[in-house]
Amino acid sequence: TVDAQRLEIRRVRGSDQAELGAFEC
């Protein structure tokens, strides 16, 4: 089960581009 202590939710930023391109759902 997701552990809330290990989760960060934040706004997307331009510096996230590499992670965005690798995302696969």
PDBML (XML) file of the C-alpha atoms, coordinates in Angstrom:
<?xml version="1.0" encoding="UTF-8" ?>
<PDBx:datablock datablockName="MODEL"
   xmlns:PDBx="http://pdbml.pdb.org/schema/pdbx-v50.xsd"
   xmlns:xsi="http://www.w3.org/2001/XMLSchema-instance"
   xsi:schemaLocation="http://pdbml.pdb.org/schema/pdbx-v50.xsd pdbx-v50.xsd">
   <PDBx:atom_siteCategory>
      <PDBx:atom_site id="1">
         <PDBx:B_iso_or_equiv>0.00</PDBx:B_iso_or_equiv>
         <PDBx:Cartn_x>0.000</PDBx:Cartn_x>
         <PDBx:Cartn_y>0.000</PDBx:Cartn_y>
         <PDBx:Cartn_z>0.000</PDBx:Cartn_z>
         <PDBx:auth_asym_id>A</PDBx:auth_asym_id>
         <PDBx:auth_atom_id>CA</PDBx:auth_atom_id>
         <PDBx:auth_comp_id>THR</PDBx:auth_comp_id>
         <PDBx:auth_seq_id>1</PDBx:auth_seq_id>
         <PDBx:group_PDB>ATOM</PDBx:group_PDB>
         <PDBx:label_alt_id xsi:nil="true" />
         <PDBx:label_asym_id>A</PDBx:label_asym_id>
         <PDBx:label_atom_id>CA</PDBx:label_atom_id>
         <PDBx:label_comp_id>THR</PDBx:label_comp_id>
         <PDBx:label_entity_id>1</PDBx:label_entity_id>
         <PDBx:label_seq_id>1</PDBx:label_seq_id>
         <PDBx:occupancy>1.00</PDBx:occupancy>
         <PDBx:pdbx_PDB_model_num>1</PDBx:pdbx_PDB_model_num>
         <PDBx:type_symbol>C</PDBx:type_symbol>
      </PDBx:atom_site>
      <PDBx:atom_site id="2">
         <PDBx:B_iso_or_equiv>0.00</PDBx:B_iso_or_equiv>
         <PDBx:Cartn_x>1.246</PDBx:Cartn_x>
         <PDBx:Cartn_y>3.507</PDBx:Cartn_y>
         <PDBx:Cartn_z>-0.760</PDBx:Cartn_z>
         <PDBx:auth_asym_id>A</PDBx:auth_asym_id>
         <PDBx:auth_atom_id>CA</PDBx:auth_atom_id>
         <PDBx:auth_comp_id>VAL</PDBx:auth_comp_id>
         <PDBx:auth_seq_id>2</PDBx:auth_seq_id>
         <PDBx:group_PDB>ATOM</PDBx:group_PDB>
         <PDBx:label_alt_id xsi:nil="true" />
         <PDBx:label_asym_id>A</PDBx:label_asym_id>
         <PDBx:label_atom_id>CA</PDBx:label_atom_id>
         <PDBx:label_comp_id>VAL</PDBx:label_comp_id>
         <PDBx:label_entity_id>1</PDBx:label_entity_id>
         <PDBx:label_seq_id>2</PDBx:label_seq_id>
         <PDBx:occupancy>1.00</PDBx:occupancy>
         <PDBx:pdbx_PDB_model_num>1</PDBx:pdbx_PDB_model_num>
         <PDBx:type_symbol>C</PDBx:type_symbol>
      </PDBx:atom_site>
      <PDBx:atom_site id="3">
         <PDBx:B_iso_or_equiv>0.00</PDBx:B_iso_or_equiv>
         <PDBx:Cartn_x>3.124</PDBx:Cartn_x>
         <PDBx:Cartn_y>4.959</PDBx:Cartn_y>
         <PDBx:Cartn_z>2.205</PDBx:Cartn_z>
         <PDBx:auth_asym_id>A</PDBx:auth_asym_id>
         <PDBx:auth_atom_id>CA</PDBx:auth_atom_id>
         <PDBx:auth_comp_id>ASP</PDBx:auth_comp_id>
         <PDBx:auth_seq_id>3</PDBx:auth_seq_id>
         <PDBx:group_PDB>ATOM</PDBx:group_PDB>
         <PDBx:label_alt_id xsi:nil="true" />
         <PDBx:label_asym_id>A</PDBx:label_asym_id>
         <PDBx:label_atom_id>CA</PDBx:label_atom_id>
         <PDBx:label_comp_id>ASP</PDBx:label_comp_id>
         <PDBx:label_entity_id>1</PDBx:label_entity_id>
         <PDBx:label_seq_id>3</PDBx:label_seq_id>
         <PDBx:occupancy>1.00</PDBx:occupancy>
         <PDBx:pdbx_PDB_model_num>1</PDBx:pdbx_PDB_model_num>
         <PDBx:type_symbol>C</PDBx:type_symbol>
      </PDBx:atom_site>
      <PDBx:atom_site id="4">
         <PDBx:B_iso_or_equiv>0.00</PDBx:B_iso_or_equiv>
         <PDBx:Cartn_x>2.165</PDBx:Cartn_x>
         <PDBx:Cartn_y>8.653</PDBx:Cartn_y>
         <PDBx:Cartn_z>2.425</PDBx:Cartn_z>
         <PDBx:auth_asym_id>A</PDBx:auth_asym_id>
         <PDBx:auth_atom_id>CA</PDBx:auth_atom_id>
         <PDBx:auth_comp_id>ALA</PDBx:auth_comp_id>
         <PDBx:auth_seq_id>4</PDBx:auth_seq_id>
         <PDBx:group_PDB>ATOM</PDBx:group_PDB>
         <PDBx:label_alt_id xsi:nil="true" />
         <PDBx:label_asym_id>A</PDBx:label_asym_id>
         <PDBx:label_atom_id>CA</PDBx:label_atom_id>
         <PDBx:label_comp_id>ALA</PDBx:label_comp_id>
         <PDBx:label_entity_id>1</PDBx:label_entity_id>
         <PDBx:label_seq_id>4</PDBx:label_seq_id>
         <PDBx:occupancy>1.00</PDBx:occupancy>
         <PDBx:pdbx_PDB_model_num>1</PDBx:pdbx_PDB_model_num>
         <PDBx:type_symbol>C</PDBx:type_symbol>
      </PDBx:atom_site>
      <PDBx:atom_site id="5">
         <PDBx:B_iso_or_equiv>0.00</PDBx:B_iso_or_equiv>
         <PDBx:Cartn_x>5.541</PDBx:Cartn_x>
         <PDBx:Cartn_y>9.440</PDBx:Cartn_y>
         <PDBx:Cartn_z>4.041</PDBx:Cartn_z>
         <PDBx:auth_asym_id>A</PDBx:auth_asym_id>
         <PDBx:auth_atom_id>CA</PDBx:auth_atom_id>
         <PDBx:auth_comp_id>GLN</PDBx:auth_comp_id>
         <PDBx:auth_seq_id>5</PDBx:auth_seq_id>
         <PDBx:group_PDB>ATOM</PDBx:group_PDB>
         <PDBx:label_alt_id xsi:nil="true" />
         <PDBx:label_asym_id>A</PDBx:label_asym_id>
         <PDBx:label_atom_id>CA</PDBx:label_atom_id>
         <PDBx:label_comp_id>GLN</PDBx:label_comp_id>
         <PDBx:label_entity_id>1</PDBx:label_entity_id>
         <PDBx:label_seq_id>5</PDBx:label_seq_id>
         <PDBx:occupancy>1.00</PDBx:occupancy>
         <PDBx:pdbx_PDB_model_num>1</PDBx:pdbx_PDB_model_num>
         <PDBx:type_symbol>C</PDBx:type_symbol>
      </PDBx:atom_site>
      <PDBx:atom_site id="6">
         <PDBx:B_iso_or_equiv>0.00</PDBx:B_iso_or_equiv>
         <PDBx:Cartn_x>7.327</PDBx:Cartn_x>
         <PDBx:Cartn_y>8.339</PDBx:Cartn_y>
         <PDBx:Cartn_z>0.859</PDBx:Cartn_z>
         <PDBx:auth_asym_id>A</PDBx:auth_asym_id>
         <PDBx:auth_atom_id>CA</PDBx:auth_atom_id>
         <PDBx:auth_comp_id>ARG</PDBx:auth_comp_id>
         <PDBx:auth_seq_id>6</PDBx:auth_seq_id>
         <PDBx:group_PDB>ATOM</PDBx:group_PDB>
         <PDBx:label_alt_id xsi:nil="true" />
         <PDBx:label_asym_id>A</PDBx:label_asym_id>
         <PDBx:label_atom_id>CA</PDBx:label_atom_id>
         <PDBx:label_comp_id>ARG</PDBx:label_comp_id>
         <PDBx:label_entity_id>1</PDBx:label_entity_id>
         <PDBx:label_seq_id>6</PDBx:label_seq_id>
         <PDBx:occupancy>1.00</PDBx:occupancy>
         <PDBx:pdbx_PDB_model_num>1</PDBx:pdbx_PDB_model_num>
         <PDBx:type_symbol>C</PDBx:type_symbol>
      </PDBx:atom_site>
      <PDBx:atom_site id="7">
         <PDBx:B_iso_or_equiv>0.00</PDBx:B_iso_or_equiv>
         <PDBx:Cartn_x>5.011</PDBx:Cartn_x>
         <PDBx:Cartn_y>10.300</PDBx:Cartn_y>
         <PDBx:Cartn_z>-1.471</PDBx:Cartn_z>
         <PDBx:auth_asym_id>A</PDBx:auth_asym_id>
         <PDBx:auth_atom_id>CA</PDBx:auth_atom_id>
         <PDBx:auth_comp_id>LEU</PDBx:auth_comp_id>
         <PDBx:auth_seq_id>7</PDBx:auth_seq_id>
         <PDBx:group_PDB>ATOM</PDBx:group_PDB>
         <PDBx:label_alt_id xsi:nil="true" />
         <PDBx:label_asym_id>A</PDBx:label_asym_id>
         <PDBx:label_atom_id>CA</PDBx:label_atom_id>
         <PDBx:label_comp_id>LEU</PDBx:label_comp_id>
         <PDBx:label_entity_id>1</PDBx:label_entity_id>
         <PDBx:label_seq_id>7</PDBx:label_seq_id>
         <PDBx:occupancy>1.00</PDBx:occupancy>
         <PDBx:pdbx_PDB_model_num>1</PDBx:pdbx_PDB_model_num>
         <PDBx:type_symbol>C</PDBx:type_symbol>
      </PDBx:atom_site>
      <PDBx:atom_site id="8">
         <PDBx:B_iso_or_equiv>0.00</PDBx:B_iso_or_equiv>
         <PDBx:Cartn_x>5.554</PDBx:Cartn_x>
         <PDBx:Cartn_y>13.845</PDBx:Cartn_y>
         <PDBx:Cartn_z>-2.688</PDBx:Cartn_z>
         <PDBx:auth_asym_id>A</PDBx:auth_asym_id>
         <PDBx:auth_atom_id>CA</PDBx:auth_atom_id>
         <PDBx:auth_comp_id>GLU</PDBx:auth_comp_id>
         <PDBx:auth_seq_id>8</PDBx:auth_seq_id>
         <PDBx:group_PDB>ATOM</PDBx:group_PDB>
         <PDBx:label_alt_id xsi:nil="true" />
         <PDBx:label_asym_id>A</PDBx:label_asym_id>
         <PDBx:label_atom_id>CA</PDBx:label_atom_id>
         <PDBx:label_comp_id>GLU</PDBx:label_comp_id>
         <PDBx:label_entity_id>1</PDBx:label_entity_id>
         <PDBx:label_seq_id>8</PDBx:label_seq_id>
         <PDBx:occupancy>1.00</PDBx:occupancy>
         <PDBx:pdbx_PDB_model_num>1</PDBx:pdbx_PDB_model_num>
         <PDBx:type_symbol>C</PDBx:type_symbol>
      </PDBx:atom_site>
      <PDBx:atom_site id="9">
         <PDBx:B_iso_or_equiv>0.00</PDBx:B_iso_or_equiv>
         <PDBx:Cartn_x>2.949</PDBx:Cartn_x>
         <PDBx:Cartn_y>15.576</PDBx:Cartn_y>
         <PDBx:Cartn_z>-4.852</PDBx:Cartn_z>
         <PDBx:auth_asym_id>A</PDBx:auth_asym_id>
         <PDBx:auth_atom_id>CA</PDBx:auth_atom_id>
         <PDBx:auth_comp_id>ILE</PDBx:auth_comp_id>
         <PDBx:auth_seq_id>9</PDBx:auth_seq_id>
         <PDBx:group_PDB>ATOM</PDBx:group_PDB>
         <PDBx:label_alt_id xsi:nil="true" />
         <PDBx:label_asym_id>A</PDBx:label_asym_id>
         <PDBx:label_atom_id>CA</PDBx:label_atom_id>
         <PDBx:label_comp_id>ILE</PDBx:label_comp_id>
         <PDBx:label_entity_id>1</PDBx:label_entity_id>
         <PDBx:label_seq_id>9</PDBx:label_seq_id>
         <PDBx:occupancy>1.00</PDBx:occupancy>
         <PDBx:pdbx_PDB_model_num>1</PDBx:pdbx_PDB_model_num>
         <PDBx:type_symbol>C</PDBx:type_symbol>
      </PDBx:atom_site>
      <PDBx:atom_site id="10">
         <PDBx:B_iso_or_equiv>0.00</PDBx:B_iso_or_equiv>
         <PDBx:Cartn_x>4.111</PDBx:Cartn_x>
         <PDBx:Cartn_y>18.759</PDBx:Cartn_y>
         <PDBx:Cartn_z>-6.552</PDBx:Cartn_z>
         <PDBx:auth_asym_id>A</PDBx:auth_asym_id>
         <PDBx:auth_atom_id>CA</PDBx:auth_atom_id>
         <PDBx:auth_comp_id>ARG</PDBx:auth_comp_id>
         <PDBx:auth_seq_id>10</PDBx:auth_seq_id>
         <PDBx:group_PDB>ATOM</PDBx:group_PDB>
         <PDBx:label_alt_id xsi:nil="true" />
         <PDBx:label_asym_id>A</PDBx:label_asym_id>
         <PDBx:label_atom_id>CA</PDBx:label_atom_id>
         <PDBx:label_comp_id>ARG</PDBx:label_comp_id>
         <PDBx:label_entity_id>1</PDBx:label_entity_id>
         <PDBx:label_seq_id>10</PDBx:label_seq_id>
         <PDBx:occupancy>1.00</PDBx:occupancy>
         <PDBx:pdbx_PDB_model_num>1</PDBx:pdbx_PDB_model_num>
         <PDBx:type_symbol>C</PDBx:type_symbol>
      </PDBx:atom_site>
      <PDBx:atom_site id="11">
         <PDBx:B_iso_or_equiv>0.00</PDBx:B_iso_or_equiv>
         <PDBx:Cartn_x>3.503</PDBx:Cartn_x>
         <PDBx:Cartn_y>20.853</PDBx:Cartn_y>
         <PDBx:Cartn_z>-9.654</PDBx:Cartn_z>
         <PDBx:auth_asym_id>A</PDBx:auth_asym_id>
         <PDBx:auth_atom_id>CA</PDBx:auth_atom_id>
         <PDBx:auth_comp_id>ARG</PDBx:auth_comp_id>
         <PDBx:auth_seq_id>11</PDBx:auth_seq_id>
         <PDBx:group_PDB>ATOM</PDBx:group_PDB>
         <PDBx:label_alt_id xsi:nil="true" />
         <PDBx:label_asym_id>A</PDBx:label_asym_id>
         <PDBx:label_atom_id>CA</PDBx:label_atom_id>
         <PDBx:label_comp_id>ARG</PDBx:label_comp_id>
         <PDBx:label_entity_id>1</PDBx:label_entity_id>
         <PDBx:label_seq_id>11</PDBx:label_seq_id>
         <PDBx:occupancy>1.00</PDBx:occupancy>
         <PDBx:pdbx_PDB_model_num>1</PDBx:pdbx_PDB_model_num>
         <PDBx:type_symbol>C</PDBx:type_symbol>
      </PDBx:atom_site>
      <PDBx:atom_site id="12">
         <PDBx:B_iso_or_equiv>0.00</PDBx:B_iso_or_equiv>
         <PDBx:Cartn_x>5.225</PDBx:Cartn_x>
         <PDBx:Cartn_y>19.796</PDBx:Cartn_y>
         <PDBx:Cartn_z>-12.842</PDBx:Cartn_z>
         <PDBx:auth_asym_id>A</PDBx:auth_asym_id>
         <PDBx:auth_atom_id>CA</PDBx:auth_atom_id>
         <PDBx:auth_comp_id>VAL</PDBx:auth_comp_id>
         <PDBx:auth_seq_id>12</PDBx:auth_seq_id>
         <PDBx:group_PDB>ATOM</PDBx:group_PDB>
         <PDBx:label_alt_id xsi:nil="true" />
         <PDBx:label_asym_id>A</PDBx:label_asym_id>
         <PDBx:label_atom_id>CA</PDBx:label_atom_id>
         <PDBx:label_comp_id>VAL</PDBx:label_comp_id>
         <PDBx:label_entity_id>1</PDBx:label_entity_id>
         <PDBx:label_seq_id>12</PDBx:label_seq_id>
         <PDBx:occupancy>1.00</PDBx:occupancy>
         <PDBx:pdbx_PDB_model_num>1</PDBx:pdbx_PDB_model_num>
         <PDBx:type_symbol>C</PDBx:type_symbol>
      </PDBx:atom_site>
      <PDBx:atom_site id="13">
         <PDBx:B_iso_or_equiv>0.00</PDBx:B_iso_or_equiv>
         <PDBx:Cartn_x>8.275</PDBx:Cartn_x>
         <PDBx:Cartn_y>21.891</PDBx:Cartn_y>
         <PDBx:Cartn_z>-13.807</PDBx:Cartn_z>
         <PDBx:auth_asym_id>A</PDBx:auth_asym_id>
         <PDBx:auth_atom_id>CA</PDBx:auth_atom_id>
         <PDBx:auth_comp_id>ARG</PDBx:auth_comp_id>
         <PDBx:auth_seq_id>13</PDBx:auth_seq_id>
         <PDBx:group_PDB>ATOM</PDBx:group_PDB>
         <PDBx:label_alt_id xsi:nil="true" />
         <PDBx:label_asym_id>A</PDBx:label_asym_id>
         <PDBx:label_atom_id>CA</PDBx:label_atom_id>
         <PDBx:label_comp_id>ARG</PDBx:label_comp_id>
         <PDBx:label_entity_id>1</PDBx:label_entity_id>
         <PDBx:label_seq_id>13</PDBx:label_seq_id>
         <PDBx:occupancy>1.00</PDBx:occupancy>
         <PDBx:pdbx_PDB_model_num>1</PDBx:pdbx_PDB_model_num>
         <PDBx:type_symbol>C</PDBx:type_symbol>
      </PDBx:atom_site>
      <PDBx:atom_site id="14">
         <PDBx:B_iso_or_equiv>0.00</PDBx:B_iso_or_equiv>
         <PDBx:Cartn_x>10.266</PDBx:Cartn_x>
         <PDBx:Cartn_y>22.378</PDBx:Cartn_y>
         <PDBx:Cartn_z>-16.986</PDBx:Cartn_z>
         <PDBx:auth_asym_id>A</PDBx:auth_asym_id>
         <PDBx:auth_atom_id>CA</PDBx:auth_atom_id>
         <PDBx:auth_comp_id>GLY</PDBx:auth_comp_id>
         <PDBx:auth_seq_id>14</PDBx:auth_seq_id>
         <PDBx:group_PDB>ATOM</PDBx:group_PDB>
         <PDBx:label_alt_id xsi:nil="true" />
         <PDBx:label_asym_id>A</PDBx:label_asym_id>
         <PDBx:label_atom_id>CA</PDBx:label_atom_id>
         <PDBx:label_comp_id>GLY</PDBx:label_comp_id>
         <PDBx:label_entity_id>1</PDBx:label_entity_id>
         <PDBx:label_seq_id>14</PDBx:label_seq_id>
         <PDBx:occupancy>1.00</PDBx:occupancy>
         <PDBx:pdbx_PDB_model_num>1</PDBx:pdbx_PDB_model_num>
         <PDBx:type_symbol>C</PDBx:type_symbol>
      </PDBx:atom_site>
      <PDBx:atom_site id="15">
         <PDBx:B_iso_or_equiv>0.00</PDBx:B_iso_or_equiv>
         <PDBx:Cartn_x>13.175</PDBx:Cartn_x>
         <PDBx:Cartn_y>20.525</PDBx:Cartn_y>
         <PDBx:Cartn_z>-15.388</PDBx:Cartn_z>
         <PDBx:auth_asym_id>A</PDBx:auth_asym_id>
         <PDBx:auth_atom_id>CA</PDBx:auth_atom_id>
         <PDBx:auth_comp_id>SER</PDBx:auth_comp_id>
         <PDBx:auth_seq_id>15</PDBx:auth_seq_id>
         <PDBx:group_PDB>ATOM</PDBx:group_PDB>
         <PDBx:label_alt_id xsi:nil="true" />
         <PDBx:label_asym_id>A</PDBx:label_asym_id>
         <PDBx:label_atom_id>CA</PDBx:label_atom_id>
         <PDBx:label_comp_id>SER</PDBx:label_comp_id>
         <PDBx:label_entity_id>1</PDBx:label_entity_id>
         <PDBx:label_seq_id>15</PDBx:label_seq_id>
         <PDBx:occupancy>1.00</PDBx:occupancy>
         <PDBx:pdbx_PDB_model_num>1</PDBx:pdbx_PDB_model_num>
         <PDBx:type_symbol>C</PDBx:type_symbol>
      </PDBx:atom_site>
      <PDBx:atom_site id="16">
         <PDBx:B_iso_or_equiv>0.00</PDBx:B_iso_or_equiv>
         <PDBx:Cartn_x>10.992</PDBx:Cartn_x>
         <PDBx:Cartn_y>17.381</PDBx:Cartn_y>
         <PDBx:Cartn_z>-15.261</PDBx:Cartn_z>
         <PDBx:auth_asym_id>A</PDBx:auth_asym_id>
         <PDBx:auth_atom_id>CA</PDBx:auth_atom_id>
         <PDBx:auth_comp_id>ASP</PDBx:auth_comp_id>
         <PDBx:auth_seq_id>16</PDBx:auth_seq_id>
         <PDBx:group_PDB>ATOM</PDBx:group_PDB>
         <PDBx:label_alt_id xsi:nil="true" />
         <PDBx:label_asym_id>A</PDBx:label_asym_id>
         <PDBx:label_atom_id>CA</PDBx:label_atom_id>
         <PDBx:label_comp_id>ASP</PDBx:label_comp_id>
         <PDBx:label_entity_id>1</PDBx:label_entity_id>
         <PDBx:label_seq_id>16</PDBx:label_seq_id>
         <PDBx:occupancy>1.00</PDBx:occupancy>
         <PDBx:pdbx_PDB_model_num>1</PDBx:pdbx_PDB_model_num>
         <PDBx:type_symbol>C</PDBx:type_symbol>
      </PDBx:atom_site>
      <PDBx:atom_site id="17">
         <PDBx:B_iso_or_equiv>0.00</PDBx:B_iso_or_equiv>
         <PDBx:Cartn_x>11.009</PDBx:Cartn_x>
         <PDBx:Cartn_y>16.903</PDBx:Cartn_y>
         <PDBx:Cartn_z>-19.051</PDBx:Cartn_z>
         <PDBx:auth_asym_id>A</PDBx:auth_asym_id>
         <PDBx:auth_atom_id>CA</PDBx:auth_atom_id>
         <PDBx:auth_comp_id>GLN</PDBx:auth_comp_id>
         <PDBx:auth_seq_id>17</PDBx:auth_seq_id>
         <PDBx:group_PDB>ATOM</PDBx:group_PDB>
         <PDBx:label_alt_id xsi:nil="true" />
         <PDBx:label_asym_id>A</PDBx:label_asym_id>
         <PDBx:label_atom_id>CA</PDBx:label_atom_id>
         <PDBx:label_comp_id>GLN</PDBx:label_comp_id>
         <PDBx:label_entity_id>1</PDBx:label_entity_id>
         <PDBx:label_seq_id>17</PDBx:label_seq_id>
         <PDBx:occupancy>1.00</PDBx:occupancy>
         <PDBx:pdbx_PDB_model_num>1</PDBx:pdbx_PDB_model_num>
         <PDBx:type_symbol>C</PDBx:type_symbol>
      </PDBx:atom_site>
      <PDBx:atom_site id="18">
         <PDBx:B_iso_or_equiv>0.00</PDBx:B_iso_or_equiv>
         <PDBx:Cartn_x>13.118</PDBx:Cartn_x>
         <PDBx:Cartn_y>13.706</PDBx:Cartn_y>
         <PDBx:Cartn_z>-19.080</PDBx:Cartn_z>
         <PDBx:auth_asym_id>A</PDBx:auth_asym_id>
         <PDBx:auth_atom_id>CA</PDBx:auth_atom_id>
         <PDBx:auth_comp_id>ALA</PDBx:auth_comp_id>
         <PDBx:auth_seq_id>18</PDBx:auth_seq_id>
         <PDBx:group_PDB>ATOM</PDBx:group_PDB>
         <PDBx:label_alt_id xsi:nil="true" />
         <PDBx:label_asym_id>A</PDBx:label_asym_id>
         <PDBx:label_atom_id>CA</PDBx:label_atom_id>
         <PDBx:label_comp_id>ALA</PDBx:label_comp_id>
         <PDBx:label_entity_id>1</PDBx:label_entity_id>
         <PDBx:label_seq_id>18</PDBx:label_seq_id>
         <PDBx:occupancy>1.00</PDBx:occupancy>
         <PDBx:pdbx_PDB_model_num>1</PDBx:pdbx_PDB_model_num>
         <PDBx:type_symbol>C</PDBx:type_symbol>
      </PDBx:atom_site>
      <PDBx:atom_site id="19">
         <PDBx:B_iso_or_equiv>0.00</PDBx:B_iso_or_equiv>
         <PDBx:Cartn_x>10.850</PDBx:Cartn_x>
         <PDBx:Cartn_y>12.012</PDBx:Cartn_y>
         <PDBx:Cartn_z>-16.501</PDBx:Cartn_z>
         <PDBx:auth_asym_id>A</PDBx:auth_asym_id>
         <PDBx:auth_atom_id>CA</PDBx:auth_atom_id>
         <PDBx:auth_comp_id>GLU</PDBx:auth_comp_id>
         <PDBx:auth_seq_id>19</PDBx:auth_seq_id>
         <PDBx:group_PDB>ATOM</PDBx:group_PDB>
         <PDBx:label_alt_id xsi:nil="true" />
         <PDBx:label_asym_id>A</PDBx:label_asym_id>
         <PDBx:label_atom_id>CA</PDBx:label_atom_id>
         <PDBx:label_comp_id>GLU</PDBx:label_comp_id>
         <PDBx:label_entity_id>1</PDBx:label_entity_id>
         <PDBx:label_seq_id>19</PDBx:label_seq_id>
         <PDBx:occupancy>1.00</PDBx:occupancy>
         <PDBx:pdbx_PDB_model_num>1</PDBx:pdbx_PDB_model_num>
         <PDBx:type_symbol>C</PDBx:type_symbol>
      </PDBx:atom_site>
      <PDBx:atom_site id="20">
         <PDBx:B_iso_or_equiv>0.00</PDBx:B_iso_or_equiv>
         <PDBx:Cartn_x>7.737</PDBx:Cartn_x>
         <PDBx:Cartn_y>13.112</PDBx:Cartn_y>
         <PDBx:Cartn_z>-18.383</PDBx:Cartn_z>
         <PDBx:auth_asym_id>A</PDBx:auth_asym_id>
         <PDBx:auth_atom_id>CA</PDBx:auth_atom_id>
         <PDBx:auth_comp_id>LEU</PDBx:auth_comp_id>
         <PDBx:auth_seq_id>20</PDBx:auth_seq_id>
         <PDBx:group_PDB>ATOM</PDBx:group_PDB>
         <PDBx:label_alt_id xsi:nil="true" />
         <PDBx:label_asym_id>A</PDBx:label_asym_id>
         <PDBx:label_atom_id>CA</PDBx:label_atom_id>
         <PDBx:label_comp_id>LEU</PDBx:label_comp_id>
         <PDBx:label_entity_id>1</PDBx:label_entity_id>
         <PDBx:label_seq_id>20</PDBx:label_seq_id>
         <PDBx:occupancy>1.00</PDBx:occupancy>
         <PDBx:pdbx_PDB_model_num>1</PDBx:pdbx_PDB_model_num>
         <PDBx:type_symbol>C</PDBx:type_symbol>
      </PDBx:atom_site>
      <PDBx:atom_site id="21">
         <PDBx:B_iso_or_equiv>0.00</PDBx:B_iso_or_equiv>
         <PDBx:Cartn_x>8.979</PDBx:Cartn_x>
         <PDBx:Cartn_y>11.543</PDBx:Cartn_y>
         <PDBx:Cartn_z>-21.600</PDBx:Cartn_z>
         <PDBx:auth_asym_id>A</PDBx:auth_asym_id>
         <PDBx:auth_atom_id>CA</PDBx:auth_atom_id>
         <PDBx:auth_comp_id>GLY</PDBx:auth_comp_id>
         <PDBx:auth_seq_id>21</PDBx:auth_seq_id>
         <PDBx:group_PDB>ATOM</PDBx:group_PDB>
         <PDBx:label_alt_id xsi:nil="true" />
         <PDBx:label_asym_id>A</PDBx:label_asym_id>
         <PDBx:label_atom_id>CA</PDBx:label_atom_id>
         <PDBx:label_comp_id>GLY</PDBx:label_comp_id>
         <PDBx:label_entity_id>1</PDBx:label_entity_id>
         <PDBx:label_seq_id>21</PDBx:label_seq_id>
         <PDBx:occupancy>1.00</PDBx:occupancy>
         <PDBx:pdbx_PDB_model_num>1</PDBx:pdbx_PDB_model_num>
         <PDBx:type_symbol>C</PDBx:type_symbol>
      </PDBx:atom_site>
      <PDBx:atom_site id="22">
         <PDBx:B_iso_or_equiv>0.00</PDBx:B_iso_or_equiv>
         <PDBx:Cartn_x>9.736</PDBx:Cartn_x>
         <PDBx:Cartn_y>8.225</PDBx:Cartn_y>
         <PDBx:Cartn_z>-19.875</PDBx:Cartn_z>
         <PDBx:auth_asym_id>A</PDBx:auth_asym_id>
         <PDBx:auth_atom_id>CA</PDBx:auth_atom_id>
         <PDBx:auth_comp_id>ALA</PDBx:auth_comp_id>
         <PDBx:auth_seq_id>22</PDBx:auth_seq_id>
         <PDBx:group_PDB>ATOM</PDBx:group_PDB>
         <PDBx:label_alt_id xsi:nil="true" />
         <PDBx:label_asym_id>A</PDBx:label_asym_id>
         <PDBx:label_atom_id>CA</PDBx:label_atom_id>
         <PDBx:label_comp_id>ALA</PDBx:label_comp_id>
         <PDBx:label_entity_id>1</PDBx:label_entity_id>
         <PDBx:label_seq_id>22</PDBx:label_seq_id>
         <PDBx:occupancy>1.00</PDBx:occupancy>
         <PDBx:pdbx_PDB_model_num>1</PDBx:pdbx_PDB_model_num>
         <PDBx:type_symbol>C</PDBx:type_symbol>
      </PDBx:atom_site>
      <PDBx:atom_site id="23">
         <PDBx:B_iso_or_equiv>0.00</PDBx:B_iso_or_equiv>
         <PDBx:Cartn_x>6.332</PDBx:Cartn_x>
         <PDBx:Cartn_y>7.950</PDBx:Cartn_y>
         <PDBx:Cartn_z>-18.140</PDBx:Cartn_z>
         <PDBx:auth_asym_id>A</PDBx:auth_asym_id>
         <PDBx:auth_atom_id>CA</PDBx:auth_atom_id>
         <PDBx:auth_comp_id>PHE</PDBx:auth_comp_id>
         <PDBx:auth_seq_id>23</PDBx:auth_seq_id>
         <PDBx:group_PDB>ATOM</PDBx:group_PDB>
         <PDBx:label_alt_id xsi:nil="true" />
         <PDBx:label_asym_id>A</PDBx:label_asym_id>
         <PDBx:label_atom_id>CA</PDBx:label_atom_id>
         <PDBx:label_comp_id>PHE</PDBx:label_comp_id>
         <PDBx:label_entity_id>1</PDBx:label_entity_id>
         <PDBx:label_seq_id>23</PDBx:label_seq_id>
         <PDBx:occupancy>1.00</PDBx:occupancy>
         <PDBx:pdbx_PDB_model_num>1</PDBx:pdbx_PDB_model_num>
         <PDBx:type_symbol>C</PDBx:type_symbol>
      </PDBx:atom_site>
      <PDBx:atom_site id="24">
         <PDBx:B_iso_or_equiv>0.00</PDBx:B_iso_or_equiv>
         <PDBx:Cartn_x>4.341</PDBx:Cartn_x>
         <PDBx:Cartn_y>4.857</PDBx:Cartn_y>
         <PDBx:Cartn_z>-19.156</PDBx:Cartn_z>
         <PDBx:auth_asym_id>A</PDBx:auth_asym_id>
         <PDBx:auth_atom_id>CA</PDBx:auth_atom_id>
         <PDBx:auth_comp_id>GLU</PDBx:auth_comp_id>
         <PDBx:auth_seq_id>24</PDBx:auth_seq_id>
         <PDBx:group_PDB>ATOM</PDBx:group_PDB>
         <PDBx:label_alt_id xsi:nil="true" />
         <PDBx:label_asym_id>A</PDBx:label_asym_id>
         <PDBx:label_atom_id>CA</PDBx:label_atom_id>
         <PDBx:label_comp_id>GLU</PDBx:label_comp_id>
         <PDBx:label_entity_id>1</PDBx:label_entity_id>
         <PDBx:label_seq_id>24</PDBx:label_seq_id>
         <PDBx:occupancy>1.00</PDBx:occupancy>
         <PDBx:pdbx_PDB_model_num>1</PDBx:pdbx_PDB_model_num>
         <PDBx:type_symbol>C</PDBx:type_symbol>
      </PDBx:atom_site>
      <PDBx:atom_site id="25">
         <PDBx:B_iso_or_equiv>0.00</PDBx:B_iso_or_equiv>
         <PDBx:Cartn_x>0.890</PDBx:Cartn_x>
         <PDBx:Cartn_y>4.108</PDBx:Cartn_y>
         <PDBx:Cartn_z>-17.791</PDBx:Cartn_z>
         <PDBx:auth_asym_id>A</PDBx:auth_asym_id>
         <PDBx:auth_atom_id>CA</PDBx:auth_atom_id>
         <PDBx:auth_comp_id>CYS</PDBx:auth_comp_id>
         <PDBx:auth_seq_id>25</PDBx:auth_seq_id>
         <PDBx:group_PDB>ATOM</PDBx:group_PDB>
         <PDBx:label_alt_id xsi:nil="true" />
         <PDBx:label_asym_id>A</PDBx:label_asym_id>
         <PDBx:label_atom_id>CA</PDBx:label_atom_id>
         <PDBx:label_comp_id>CYS</PDBx:label_comp_id>
         <PDBx:label_entity_id>1</PDBx:label_entity_id>
         <PDBx:label_seq_id>25</PDBx:label_seq_id>
         <PDBx:occupancy>1.00</PDBx:occupancy>
         <PDBx:pdbx_PDB_model_num>1</PDBx:pdbx_PDB_model_num>
         <PDBx:type_symbol>C</PDBx:type_symbol>
      </PDBx:atom_site>
   </PDBx:atom_siteCategory>
</PDBx:datablock>
